[in-house]
Amino acid sequence: MMLTGQTLLYVIYVLAAASAILAAEAFYVTYAGRRARAGTINRRLKRLAEEAPAEQTLQGLLRERGLSKTGDFAFRMIALNRLYTQSGITGNPLAFAAMFIAAGMVTAFLMRMVFGFAAVVAIAAFLLVAFALPLIVLRRARKKRIAKFAAQLPDTLDMIVRSLRAGHPTSVAIGLVAREMQDPLGTEFGIVSDEITFGLSLEQAVRKLSERVGFEGLNLLSVSLSIQAKTGGNLTEILSNLSKVLRERQKLRLKIRALSAEGRWSAILISAFPFVMFGVLWLLTPSYYGDVWDSPMITPVFVIFGTWALIGDVIMYRMVNFDF
């Protein structure tokens, strides 16, 4: 009888644990589903849902990306303006730059006044945070956004092809994409749809789209539409073939990344190993290096070996990155 009661107690524990797990899973599924439904609406549709006029919405979307009302780059520094636009970061570009400059000034002040670093080190920290860091942030954001756009584009072209085969005009097919697709592609094609509505040709709107995104596949789309507009041809067949080409290029890119993954991680580990070992030795036995820091040779040695390590990193980076 005692064994039966203990077994029953174990069964109760198991059922209680299973109930807790199922409750947590149900809560997560409900929350994740709600977030997924909220994420299906792209930024353009959210702005239109605020009952703003379509023209005002278009101008707002262009302005927050650093573009003029006509969709051209608004600043004279075209390269920086293009980088900011293609990164997909929204907001005033001047405010974005001012934020990093202020962060650089604060960093330099703390390093000089609080931690007592030399003025040269504080100035270097200011330049790094104020100018180098925003470029790194923008480049990483652009790379991630282009990768996401490249993954969405073949499905988008297939959607346009099906819409055209159903008898819809091109503007209606693009409007369907703008309503159904998530960002970044949904908002970008929504801008294309609005620009066509307000007077631009399809060729001009797609060319501006290519400039805003920076994905080479859109150059193929722009050229295809330009040739079709001037010489004629079956647009659905052109877009269908382009979708197949983009899918095959995406497969090739993923295969190359898989084959070069070992080289990339070897480069990362080899580059990080000296710094990790230095930190470990410094924490475990601070006296390990003795009086070497007072030697006049320490600076030339660090410069020489640091330069060689940097050259090795560049070589390994070039070995595992391919242009195709």
C-alpha atoms as a PDB file:
ATOM      1  CA  MET A   1       0.000   0.000   0.000  1.00  0.00           C
ATOM      2  CA  MET A   2       2.894   2.316   0.754  1.00  0.00           C
ATOM      3  CA  LEU A   3       4.404   1.569  -2.680  1.00  0.00           C
ATOM      4  CA  THR A   4       1.097   2.305  -4.398  1.00  0.00           C
ATOM      5  CA  GLY A   5       0.746   5.632  -2.588  1.00  0.00           C
ATOM      6  CA  GLN A   6       4.310   6.650  -3.490  1.00  0.00           C
ATOM      7  CA  THR A   7       3.731   5.682  -7.113  1.00  0.00           C
ATOM      8  CA  LEU A   8       0.556   7.758  -7.161  1.00  0.00           C
ATOM      9  CA  LEU A   9       2.498  10.691  -5.736  1.00  0.00           C
ATOM     10  CA  TYR A  10       5.078  10.360  -8.556  1.00  0.00           C
ATOM     11  CA  VAL A  11       2.273  10.286 -11.126  1.00  0.00           C
ATOM     12  CA  ILE A  12       0.837  13.475  -9.639  1.00  0.00           C
ATOM     13  CA  TYR A  13       4.266  15.154  -9.835  1.00  0.00           C
ATOM     14  CA  VAL A  14       4.653  14.107 -13.477  1.00  0.00           C
ATOM     15  CA  LEU A  15       1.171  15.361 -14.379  1.00  0.00           C
ATOM     16  CA  ALA A  16       1.815  18.670 -12.592  1.00  0.00           C
ATOM     17  CA  ALA A  17       5.096  19.125 -14.449  1.00  0.00           C
ATOM     18  CA  ALA A  18       3.458  18.249 -17.779  1.00  0.00           C
ATOM     19  CA  SER A  19       0.631  20.693 -17.081  1.00  0.00           C
ATOM     20  CA  ALA A  20       3.119  23.481 -16.331  1.00  0.00           C
ATOM     21  CA  ILE A  21       5.041  22.738 -19.529  1.00  0.00           C
ATOM     22  CA  LEU A  22       1.865  22.668 -21.629  1.00  0.00           C
ATOM     23  CA  ALA A  23       0.654  25.922 -20.073  1.00  0.00           C
ATOM     24  CA  ALA A  24       3.977  27.615 -20.801  1.00  0.00           C
ATOM     25  CA  GLU A  25       3.947  26.293 -24.369  1.00  0.00           C
ATOM     26  CA  ALA A  26       0.357  27.468 -24.918  1.00  0.00           C
ATOM     27  CA  PHE A  27       1.275  30.930 -23.629  1.00  0.00           C
ATOM     28  CA  TYR A  28       4.336  31.068 -25.894  1.00  0.00           C
ATOM     29  CA  VAL A  29       2.424  29.897 -28.979  1.00  0.00           C
ATOM     30  CA  THR A  30      -0.321  32.462 -28.339  1.00  0.00           C
ATOM     31  CA  TYR A  31       2.184  35.275 -27.806  1.00  0.00           C
ATOM     32  CA  ALA A  32       4.316  34.271 -30.798  1.00  0.00           C
ATOM     33  CA  GLY A  33       1.246  34.010 -33.027  1.00  0.00           C
ATOM     34  CA  ARG A  34       0.100  37.437 -31.935  1.00  0.00           C
ATOM     35  CA  ARG A  35       3.530  38.888 -32.696  1.00  0.00           C
ATOM     36  CA  ALA A  36       3.576  37.146 -36.079  1.00  0.00           C
ATOM     37  CA  ARG A  37       0.176  38.589 -36.982  1.00  0.00           C
ATOM     38  CA  ALA A  38       1.334  42.027 -35.915  1.00  0.00           C
ATOM     39  CA  GLY A  39       4.486  41.648 -38.004  1.00  0.00           C
ATOM     40  CA  THR A  40       2.631  40.810 -41.206  1.00  0.00           C
ATOM     41  CA  ILE A  41       1.691  44.465 -41.633  1.00  0.00           C
ATOM     42  CA  ASN A  42       4.533  46.414 -43.166  1.00  0.00           C
ATOM     43  CA  ARG A  43       5.512  49.958 -42.263  1.00  0.00           C
ATOM     44  CA  ARG A  44       3.715  51.567 -45.202  1.00  0.00           C
ATOM     45  CA  LEU A  45       0.393  49.916 -44.338  1.00  0.00           C
ATOM     46  CA  LYS A  46       0.763  51.016 -40.731  1.00  0.00           C
ATOM     47  CA  ARG A  47       1.192  54.609 -41.855  1.00  0.00           C
ATOM     48  CA  LEU A  48      -1.769  54.322 -44.212  1.00  0.00           C
ATOM     49  CA  ALA A  49      -3.823  52.882 -41.349  1.00  0.00           C
ATOM     50  CA  GLU A  50      -3.315  56.185 -39.550  1.00  0.00           C
ATOM     51  CA  GLU A  51      -5.619  57.657 -42.227  1.00  0.00           C
ATOM     52  CA  ALA A  52      -2.890  59.843 -43.700  1.00  0.00           C
ATOM     53  CA  PRO A  53      -3.215  60.718 -47.410  1.00  0.00           C
ATOM     54  CA  ALA A  54      -1.302  58.429 -49.752  1.00  0.00           C
ATOM     55  CA  GLU A  55       0.888  61.255 -51.074  1.00  0.00           C
ATOM     56  CA  GLN A  56       1.763  62.402 -47.544  1.00  0.00           C
ATOM     57  CA  THR A  57       2.579  58.826 -46.566  1.00  0.00           C
ATOM     58  CA  LEU A  58       4.863  58.452 -49.580  1.00  0.00           C
ATOM     59  CA  GLN A  59       6.717  61.681 -48.790  1.00  0.00           C
ATOM     60  CA  GLY A  60       7.099  60.646 -45.142  1.00  0.00           C
ATOM     61  CA  LEU A  61       8.535  57.250 -46.108  1.00  0.00           C
ATOM     62  CA  LEU A  62      11.022  58.893 -48.463  1.00  0.00           C
ATOM     63  CA  ARG A  63      11.993  61.643 -46.024  1.00  0.00           C
ATOM     64  CA  GLU A  64      12.766  59.274 -43.148  1.00  0.00           C
ATOM     65  CA  ARG A  65      15.120  57.365 -45.438  1.00  0.00           C
ATOM     66  CA  GLY A  66      17.125  60.488 -46.353  1.00  0.00           C
ATOM     67  CA  LEU A  67      15.457  61.022 -49.738  1.00  0.00           C
ATOM     68  CA  SER A  68      13.803  64.028 -51.333  1.00  0.00           C
ATOM     69  CA  LYS A  69      10.169  64.243 -52.409  1.00  0.00           C
ATOM     70  CA  THR A  70      11.119  62.984 -55.860  1.00  0.00           C
ATOM     71  CA  GLY A  71      12.861  59.907 -54.445  1.00  0.00           C
ATOM     72  CA  ASP A  72      16.396  61.156 -55.163  1.00  0.00           C
ATOM     73  CA  PHE A  73      19.187  61.418 -52.592  1.00  0.00           C
ATOM     74  CA  ALA A  74      18.656  64.549 -50.508  1.00  0.00           C
ATOM     75  CA  PHE A  75      22.261  65.223 -49.407  1.00  0.00           C
ATOM     76  CA  ARG A  76      25.323  66.107 -51.417  1.00  0.00           C
ATOM     77  CA  MET A  77      27.396  63.319 -49.873  1.00  0.00           C
ATOM     78  CA  ILE A  78      25.823  60.741 -52.164  1.00  0.00           C
ATOM     79  CA  ALA A  79      27.866  57.765 -50.955  1.00  0.00           C
ATOM     80  CA  LEU A  80      26.894  58.312 -47.299  1.00  0.00           C
ATOM     81  CA  ASN A  81      23.310  59.126 -48.267  1.00  0.00           C
ATOM     82  CA  ARG A  82      23.105  55.910 -50.303  1.00  0.00           C
ATOM     83  CA  LEU A  83      24.535  53.886 -47.413  1.00  0.00           C
ATOM     84  CA  TYR A  84      22.013  55.361 -44.969  1.00  0.00           C
ATOM     85  CA  THR A  85      19.097  54.784 -47.343  1.00  0.00           C
ATOM     86  CA  GLN A  86      20.071  51.201 -48.149  1.00  0.00           C
ATOM     87  CA  SER A  87      20.542  50.358 -44.461  1.00  0.00           C
ATOM     88  CA  GLY A  88      16.784  50.743 -43.922  1.00  0.00           C
ATOM     89  CA  ILE A  89      17.256  52.787 -40.735  1.00  0.00           C
ATOM     90  CA  THR A  90      14.416  55.259 -40.375  1.00  0.00           C
ATOM     91  CA  GLY A  91      14.596  58.716 -38.885  1.00  0.00           C
ATOM     92  CA  ASN A  92      16.441  61.944 -39.517  1.00  0.00           C
ATOM     93  CA  PRO A  93      19.968  61.196 -40.838  1.00  0.00           C
ATOM     94  CA  LEU A  94      21.332  64.309 -39.110  1.00  0.00           C
ATOM     95  CA  ALA A  95      19.932  63.116 -35.780  1.00  0.00           C
ATOM     96  CA  PHE A  96      21.516  59.702 -36.398  1.00  0.00           C
ATOM     97  CA  ALA A  97      24.935  61.307 -36.979  1.00  0.00           C
ATOM     98  CA  ALA A  98      24.534  63.700 -34.025  1.00  0.00           C
ATOM     99  CA  MET A  99      23.786  60.758 -31.704  1.00  0.00           C
ATOM    100  CA  PHE A 100      27.112  59.066 -32.494  1.00  0.00           C
ATOM    101  CA  ILE A 101      29.059  62.342 -32.310  1.00  0.00           C
ATOM    102  CA  ALA A 102      27.601  63.000 -28.858  1.00  0.00           C
ATOM    103  CA  ALA A 103      28.422  59.434 -27.799  1.00  0.00           C
ATOM    104  CA  GLY A 104      31.988  59.934 -29.023  1.00  0.00           C
ATOM    105  CA  MET A 105      32.360  63.156 -27.050  1.00  0.00           C
ATOM    106  CA  VAL A 106      31.065  61.496 -23.886  1.00  0.00           C
ATOM    107  CA  THR A 107      33.410  58.525 -24.392  1.00  0.00           C
ATOM    108  CA  ALA A 108      36.421  60.781 -24.925  1.00  0.00           C
ATOM    109  CA  PHE A 109      35.523  62.864 -21.864  1.00  0.00           C
ATOM    110  CA  LEU A 110      35.204  59.797 -19.634  1.00  0.00           C
ATOM    111  CA  MET A 111      38.453  58.277 -20.875  1.00  0.00           C
ATOM    112  CA  ARG A 112      40.368  61.528 -20.364  1.00  0.00           C
ATOM    113  CA  MET A 113      38.867  62.939 -17.173  1.00  0.00           C
ATOM    114  CA  VAL A 114      37.639  59.871 -15.296  1.00  0.00           C
ATOM    115  CA  PHE A 115      39.981  57.055 -16.313  1.00  0.00           C
ATOM    116  CA  GLY A 116      43.035  59.245 -16.956  1.00  0.00           C
ATOM    117  CA  PHE A 117      43.950  58.054 -20.450  1.00  0.00           C
ATOM    118  CA  ALA A 118      46.253  60.156 -22.619  1.00  0.00           C
ATOM    119  CA  ALA A 119      44.757  62.836 -24.850  1.00  0.00           C
ATOM    120  CA  VAL A 120      45.764  60.897 -27.968  1.00  0.00           C
ATOM    121  CA  VAL A 121      43.849  57.824 -26.783  1.00  0.00           C
ATOM    122  CA  ALA A 122      40.773  59.948 -25.964  1.00  0.00           C
ATOM    123  CA  ILE A 123      40.869  61.561 -29.423  1.00  0.00           C
ATOM    124  CA  ALA A 124      41.227  58.144 -31.068  1.00  0.00           C
ATOM    125  CA  ALA A 125      38.234  56.887 -29.066  1.00  0.00           C
ATOM    126  CA  PHE A 126      36.196  59.915 -30.166  1.00  0.00           C
ATOM    127  CA  LEU A 127      37.027  59.317 -33.838  1.00  0.00           C
ATOM    128  CA  LEU A 128      36.225  55.619 -33.501  1.00  0.00           C
ATOM    129  CA  VAL A 129      32.829  56.122 -31.838  1.00  0.00           C
ATOM    130  CA  ALA A 130      31.770  59.248 -33.738  1.00  0.00           C
ATOM    131  CA  PHE A 131      32.782  58.258 -37.275  1.00  0.00           C
ATOM    132  CA  ALA A 132      33.886  54.633 -37.590  1.00  0.00           C
ATOM    133  CA  LEU A 133      31.144  53.057 -35.455  1.00  0.00           C
ATOM    134  CA  PRO A 134      28.170  54.551 -37.380  1.00  0.00           C
ATOM    135  CA  LEU A 135      29.677  53.340 -40.659  1.00  0.00           C
ATOM    136  CA  ILE A 136      30.002  49.835 -39.211  1.00  0.00           C
ATOM    137  CA  VAL A 137      26.401  49.954 -37.955  1.00  0.00           C
ATOM    138  CA  LEU A 138      25.099  51.154 -41.322  1.00  0.00           C
ATOM    139  CA  ARG A 139      27.063  48.545 -43.270  1.00  0.00           C
ATOM    140  CA  ARG A 140      25.849  45.706 -41.077  1.00  0.00           C
ATOM    141  CA  ALA A 141      22.256  46.943 -41.281  1.00  0.00           C
ATOM    142  CA  ARG A 142      22.496  47.219 -45.070  1.00  0.00           C
ATOM    143  CA  LYS A 143      23.956  43.729 -45.378  1.00  0.00           C
ATOM    144  CA  LYS A 144      21.202  42.168 -43.250  1.00  0.00           C
ATOM    145  CA  ARG A 145      18.480  44.105 -45.065  1.00  0.00           C
ATOM    146  CA  ILE A 146      19.748  43.152 -48.529  1.00  0.00           C
ATOM    147  CA  ALA A 147      19.964  39.492 -47.485  1.00  0.00           C
ATOM    148  CA  LYS A 148      16.362  39.578 -46.278  1.00  0.00           C
ATOM    149  CA  PHE A 149      15.255  41.369 -49.443  1.00  0.00           C
ATOM    150  CA  ALA A 150      17.066  38.789 -51.608  1.00  0.00           C
ATOM    151  CA  ALA A 151      15.247  35.966 -49.817  1.00  0.00           C
ATOM    152  CA  GLN A 152      11.852  37.615 -50.427  1.00  0.00           C
ATOM    153  CA  LEU A 153      12.306  38.726 -54.036  1.00  0.00           C
ATOM    154  CA  PRO A 154      11.832  35.374 -55.872  1.00  0.00           C
ATOM    155  CA  ASP A 155       8.508  34.750 -54.108  1.00  0.00           C
ATOM    156  CA  THR A 156       7.493  38.320 -54.908  1.00  0.00           C
ATOM    157  CA  LEU A 157       8.226  37.872 -58.605  1.00  0.00           C
ATOM    158  CA  ASP A 158       6.208  34.641 -58.597  1.00  0.00           C
ATOM    159  CA  MET A 159       3.302  36.538 -57.005  1.00  0.00           C
ATOM    160  CA  ILE A 160       3.499  39.207 -59.702  1.00  0.00           C
ATOM    161  CA  VAL A 161       3.633  36.541 -62.423  1.00  0.00           C
ATOM    162  CA  ARG A 162       0.521  34.789 -61.074  1.00  0.00           C
ATOM    163  CA  SER A 163      -1.290  38.098 -60.858  1.00  0.00           C
ATOM    164  CA  LEU A 164      -0.368  39.000 -64.442  1.00  0.00           C
ATOM    165  CA  ARG A 165      -1.486  35.594 -65.707  1.00  0.00           C
ATOM    166  CA  ALA A 166      -4.795  36.145 -63.940  1.00  0.00           C
ATOM    167  CA  GLY A 167      -5.315  39.237 -66.112  1.00  0.00           C
ATOM    168  CA  HIS A 168      -4.341  42.014 -63.702  1.00  0.00           C
ATOM    169  CA  PRO A 169      -2.326  45.010 -64.945  1.00  0.00           C
ATOM    170  CA  THR A 170       1.221  45.452 -63.669  1.00  0.00           C
ATOM    171  CA  SER A 171       0.320  48.268 -61.265  1.00  0.00           C
ATOM    172  CA  VAL A 172      -2.331  46.081 -59.604  1.00  0.00           C
ATOM    173  CA  ALA A 173       0.139  43.189 -59.274  1.00  0.00           C
ATOM    174  CA  ILE A 174       2.696  45.454 -57.583  1.00  0.00           C
ATOM    175  CA  GLY A 175      -0.020  46.824 -55.288  1.00  0.00           C
ATOM    176  CA  LEU A 176      -0.872  43.242 -54.311  1.00  0.00           C
ATOM    177  CA  VAL A 177       2.753  42.640 -53.335  1.00  0.00           C
ATOM    178  CA  ALA A 178       2.740  45.859 -51.297  1.00  0.00           C
ATOM    179  CA  ARG A 179      -0.258  44.616 -49.320  1.00  0.00           C
ATOM    180  CA  GLU A 180       0.773  41.003 -48.816  1.00  0.00           C
ATOM    181  CA  MET A 181       4.529  41.047 -48.239  1.00  0.00           C
ATOM    182  CA  GLN A 182       6.381  41.918 -45.052  1.00  0.00           C
ATOM    183  CA  ASP A 183       9.144  44.449 -44.735  1.00  0.00           C
ATOM    184  CA  PRO A 184      11.536  45.292 -46.177  1.00  0.00           C
ATOM    185  CA  LEU A 185      10.034  44.250 -49.498  1.00  0.00           C
ATOM    186  CA  GLY A 186       6.419  45.219 -48.718  1.00  0.00           C
ATOM    187  CA  THR A 187       7.173  48.867 -48.003  1.00  0.00           C
ATOM    188  CA  GLU A 188       9.634  49.182 -50.892  1.00  0.00           C
ATOM    189  CA  PHE A 189       7.160  47.840 -53.444  1.00  0.00           C
ATOM    190  CA  GLY A 190       4.483  49.992 -51.821  1.00  0.00           C
ATOM    191  CA  ILE A 191       6.639  53.028 -52.599  1.00  0.00           C
ATOM    192  CA  VAL A 192       6.953  51.748 -56.186  1.00  0.00           C
ATOM    193  CA  SER A 193       3.168  51.413 -56.399  1.00  0.00           C
ATOM    194  CA  ASP A 194       2.634  54.940 -55.089  1.00  0.00           C
ATOM    195  CA  GLU A 195       5.245  56.402 -57.439  1.00  0.00           C
ATOM    196  CA  ILE A 196       3.549  54.746 -60.417  1.00  0.00           C
ATOM    197  CA  THR A 197       0.208  56.096 -59.209  1.00  0.00           C
ATOM    198  CA  PHE A 198       1.619  59.625 -59.017  1.00  0.00           C
ATOM    199  CA  GLY A 199       3.063  59.630 -62.525  1.00  0.00           C
ATOM    200  CA  LEU A 200       6.343  57.684 -62.747  1.00  0.00           C
ATOM    201  CA  SER A 201       6.734  54.924 -65.291  1.00  0.00           C
ATOM    202  CA  LEU A 202       7.304  51.361 -64.129  1.00  0.00           C
ATOM    203  CA  GLU A 203      10.868  51.470 -65.439  1.00  0.00           C
ATOM    204  CA  GLN A 204      11.695  54.670 -63.512  1.00  0.00           C
ATOM    205  CA  ALA A 205      10.068  53.438 -60.303  1.00  0.00           C
ATOM    206  CA  VAL A 206      12.002  50.142 -60.384  1.00  0.00           C
ATOM    207  CA  ARG A 207      15.255  52.007 -61.074  1.00  0.00           C
ATOM    208  CA  LYS A 208      14.678  54.139 -57.978  1.00  0.00           C
ATOM    209  CA  LEU A 209      13.832  50.959 -56.058  1.00  0.00           C
ATOM    210  CA  SER A 210      17.202  49.491 -57.070  1.00  0.00           C
ATOM    211  CA  GLU A 211      18.975  52.627 -55.815  1.00  0.00           C
ATOM    212  CA  ARG A 212      17.104  52.536 -52.484  1.00  0.00           C
ATOM    213  CA  VAL A 213      17.815  48.855 -51.784  1.00  0.00           C
ATOM    214  CA  GLY A 214      21.225  48.193 -53.358  1.00  0.00           C
ATOM    215  CA  PHE A 215      20.508  44.560 -54.273  1.00  0.00           C
ATOM    216  CA  GLU A 216      22.053  43.496 -57.589  1.00  0.00           C
ATOM    217  CA  GLY A 217      19.031  41.353 -58.419  1.00  0.00           C
ATOM    218  CA  LEU A 218      16.960  44.513 -58.744  1.00  0.00           C
ATOM    219  CA  ASN A 219      19.381  45.727 -61.402  1.00  0.00           C
ATOM    220  CA  LEU A 220      18.460  42.632 -63.400  1.00  0.00           C
ATOM    221  CA  LEU A 221      14.793  43.427 -62.867  1.00  0.00           C
ATOM    222  CA  SER A 222      15.284  47.041 -63.938  1.00  0.00           C
ATOM    223  CA  VAL A 223      17.157  46.036 -67.095  1.00  0.00           C
ATOM    224  CA  SER A 224      14.568  43.378 -67.928  1.00  0.00           C
ATOM    225  CA  LEU A 225      11.706  45.840 -67.614  1.00  0.00           C
ATOM    226  CA  SER A 226      13.589  48.445 -69.639  1.00  0.00           C
ATOM    227  CA  ILE A 227      14.229  45.982 -72.480  1.00  0.00           C
ATOM    228  CA  GLN A 228      10.636  44.733 -72.367  1.00  0.00           C
ATOM    229  CA  ALA A 229       9.284  48.297 -72.490  1.00  0.00           C
ATOM    230  CA  LYS A 230      11.383  49.182 -75.557  1.00  0.00           C
ATOM    231  CA  THR A 231      11.349  45.945 -77.549  1.00  0.00           C
ATOM    232  CA  GLY A 232       8.245  44.175 -76.274  1.00  0.00           C
ATOM    233  CA  GLY A 233       7.999  40.577 -75.147  1.00  0.00           C
ATOM    234  CA  ASN A 234       6.196  38.387 -72.646  1.00  0.00           C
ATOM    235  CA  LEU A 235       6.597  40.105 -69.273  1.00  0.00           C
ATOM    236  CA  THR A 236       5.362  37.096 -67.305  1.00  0.00           C
ATOM    237  CA  GLU A 237       7.957  34.829 -68.931  1.00  0.00           C
ATOM    238  CA  ILE A 238      10.709  37.386 -68.266  1.00  0.00           C
ATOM    239  CA  LEU A 239       9.796  37.709 -64.583  1.00  0.00           C
ATOM    240  CA  SER A 240       9.396  33.943 -64.188  1.00  0.00           C
ATOM    241  CA  ASN A 241      12.867  33.297 -65.634  1.00  0.00           C
ATOM    242  CA  LEU A 242      14.323  36.050 -63.459  1.00  0.00           C
ATOM    243  CA  SER A 243      12.781  34.450 -60.377  1.00  0.00           C
ATOM    244  CA  LYS A 244      14.434  31.126 -61.267  1.00  0.00           C
ATOM    245  CA  VAL A 245      17.799  32.840 -61.803  1.00  0.00           C
ATOM    246  CA  LEU A 246      17.596  34.604 -58.433  1.00  0.00           C
ATOM    247  CA  ARG A 247      16.690  31.364 -56.653  1.00  0.00           C
ATOM    248  CA  GLU A 248      19.634  29.548 -58.201  1.00  0.00           C
ATOM    249  CA  ARG A 249      21.983  32.397 -57.233  1.00  0.00           C
ATOM    250  CA  GLN A 250      20.651  32.268 -53.681  1.00  0.00           C
ATOM    251  CA  LYS A 251      21.264  28.505 -53.541  1.00  0.00           C
ATOM    252  CA  LEU A 252      24.793  29.010 -54.857  1.00  0.00           C
ATOM    253  CA  ARG A 253      25.473  31.734 -52.292  1.00  0.00           C
ATOM    254  CA  LEU A 254      24.292  29.512 -49.428  1.00  0.00           C
ATOM    255  CA  LYS A 255      26.365  26.591 -50.725  1.00  0.00           C
ATOM    256  CA  ILE A 256      29.468  28.793 -50.865  1.00  0.00           C
ATOM    257  CA  ARG A 257      28.858  29.988 -47.302  1.00  0.00           C
ATOM    258  CA  ALA A 258      28.479  26.398 -46.124  1.00  0.00           C
ATOM    259  CA  LEU A 259      31.707  25.313 -47.837  1.00  0.00           C
ATOM    260  CA  SER A 260      33.654  28.321 -46.524  1.00  0.00           C
ATOM    261  CA  ALA A 261      32.281  28.141 -42.955  1.00  0.00           C
ATOM    262  CA  GLU A 262      35.282  26.154 -41.702  1.00  0.00           C
ATOM    263  CA  GLY A 263      37.697  28.752 -43.076  1.00  0.00           C
ATOM    264  CA  ARG A 264      35.744  31.640 -41.579  1.00  0.00           C
ATOM    265  CA  TRP A 265      35.609  30.125 -38.112  1.00  0.00           C
ATOM    266  CA  SER A 266      39.283  29.140 -38.317  1.00  0.00           C
ATOM    267  CA  ALA A 267      40.129  32.760 -39.091  1.00  0.00           C
ATOM    268  CA  ILE A 268      37.978  33.983 -36.183  1.00  0.00           C
ATOM    269  CA  LEU A 269      39.480  31.539 -33.681  1.00  0.00           C
ATOM    270  CA  ILE A 270      43.067  32.090 -34.807  1.00  0.00           C
ATOM    271  CA  SER A 271      42.603  35.862 -34.622  1.00  0.00           C
ATOM    272  CA  ALA A 272      40.959  35.756 -31.189  1.00  0.00           C
ATOM    273  CA  PHE A 273      43.301  33.197 -29.601  1.00  0.00           C
ATOM    274  CA  PRO A 274      46.184  35.602 -28.684  1.00  0.00           C
ATOM    275  CA  PHE A 275      43.814  38.076 -27.051  1.00  0.00           C
ATOM    276  CA  VAL A 276      41.973  35.333 -25.142  1.00  0.00           C
ATOM    277  CA  MET A 277      45.226  33.805 -23.857  1.00  0.00           C
ATOM    278  CA  PHE A 278      46.559  37.230 -22.875  1.00  0.00           C
ATOM    279  CA  GLY A 279      43.384  37.925 -20.887  1.00  0.00           C
ATOM    280  CA  VAL A 280      43.454  34.518 -19.187  1.00  0.00           C
ATOM    281  CA  LEU A 281      47.103  34.865 -18.154  1.00  0.00           C
ATOM    282  CA  TRP A 282      46.543  38.420 -16.987  1.00  0.00           C
ATOM    283  CA  LEU A 283      43.645  37.347 -14.768  1.00  0.00           C
ATOM    284  CA  LEU A 284      45.204  34.163 -13.368  1.00  0.00           C
ATOM    285  CA  THR A 285      48.828  35.272 -12.939  1.00  0.00           C
ATOM    286  CA  PRO A 286      49.233  39.056 -13.288  1.00  0.00           C
ATOM    287  CA  SER A 287      52.978  38.768 -12.621  1.00  0.00           C
ATOM    288  CA  TYR A 288      53.513  36.320 -15.493  1.00  0.00           C
ATOM    289  CA  TYR A 289      54.879  38.985 -17.844  1.00  0.00           C
ATOM    290  CA  GLY A 290      57.153  40.477 -15.185  1.00  0.00           C
ATOM    291  CA  ASP A 291      58.761  43.811 -16.052  1.00  0.00           C
ATOM    292  CA  VAL A 292      58.358  43.368 -19.798  1.00  0.00           C
ATOM    293  CA  TRP A 293      56.003  46.347 -19.981  1.00  0.00           C
ATOM    294  CA  ASP A 294      58.862  48.693 -19.022  1.00  0.00           C
ATOM    295  CA  SER A 295      61.079  47.475 -21.863  1.00  0.00           C
ATOM    296  CA  PRO A 296      61.638  49.958 -24.739  1.00  0.00           C
ATOM    297  CA  MET A 297      61.134  47.075 -27.182  1.00  0.00           C
ATOM    298  CA  ILE A 298      57.534  46.422 -26.180  1.00  0.00           C
ATOM    299  CA  THR A 299      55.986  49.036 -28.477  1.00  0.00           C
ATOM    300  CA  PRO A 300      57.915  48.041 -31.653  1.00  0.00           C
ATOM    301  CA  VAL A 301      57.204  44.364 -30.963  1.00  0.00           C
ATOM    302  CA  PHE A 302      53.474  44.993 -30.560  1.00  0.00           C
ATOM    303  CA  VAL A 303      53.376  47.119 -33.718  1.00  0.00           C
ATOM    304  CA  ILE A 304      55.283  44.555 -35.827  1.00  0.00           C
ATOM    305  CA  PHE A 305      53.370  41.494 -34.672  1.00  0.00           C
ATOM    306  CA  GLY A 306      50.056  43.373 -34.734  1.00  0.00           C
ATOM    307  CA  THR A 307      50.722  44.353 -38.351  1.00  0.00           C
ATOM    308  CA  TRP A 308      51.555  40.775 -39.303  1.00  0.00           C
ATOM    309  CA  ALA A 309      48.421  39.518 -37.568  1.00  0.00           C
ATOM    310  CA  LEU A 310      46.328  42.102 -39.424  1.00  0.00           C
ATOM    311  CA  ILE A 311      47.852  41.067 -42.748  1.00  0.00           C
ATOM    312  CA  GLY A 312      47.041  37.439 -41.934  1.00  0.00           C
ATOM    313  CA  ASP A 313      43.454  38.353 -41.089  1.00  0.00           C
ATOM    314  CA  VAL A 314      43.068  40.180 -44.401  1.00  0.00           C
ATOM    315  CA  ILE A 315      44.463  37.198 -46.326  1.00  0.00           C
ATOM    316  CA  MET A 316      42.154  34.747 -44.538  1.00  0.00           C
ATOM    317  CA  TYR A 317      39.190  37.087 -45.133  1.00  0.00           C
ATOM    318  CA  ARG A 318      39.951  37.231 -48.861  1.00  0.00           C
ATOM    319  CA  MET A 319      40.291  33.442 -48.995  1.00  0.00           C
ATOM    320  CA  VAL A 320      36.797  32.754 -47.634  1.00  0.00           C
ATOM    321  CA  ASN A 321      34.867  35.573 -49.372  1.00  0.00           C
ATOM    322  CA  PHE A 322      33.940  35.183 -53.024  1.00  0.00           C
ATOM    323  CA  ASP A 323      32.438  37.420 -55.678  1.00  0.00           C
ATOM    324  CA  PHE A 324      30.209  35.670 -58.182  1.00  0.00           C
END
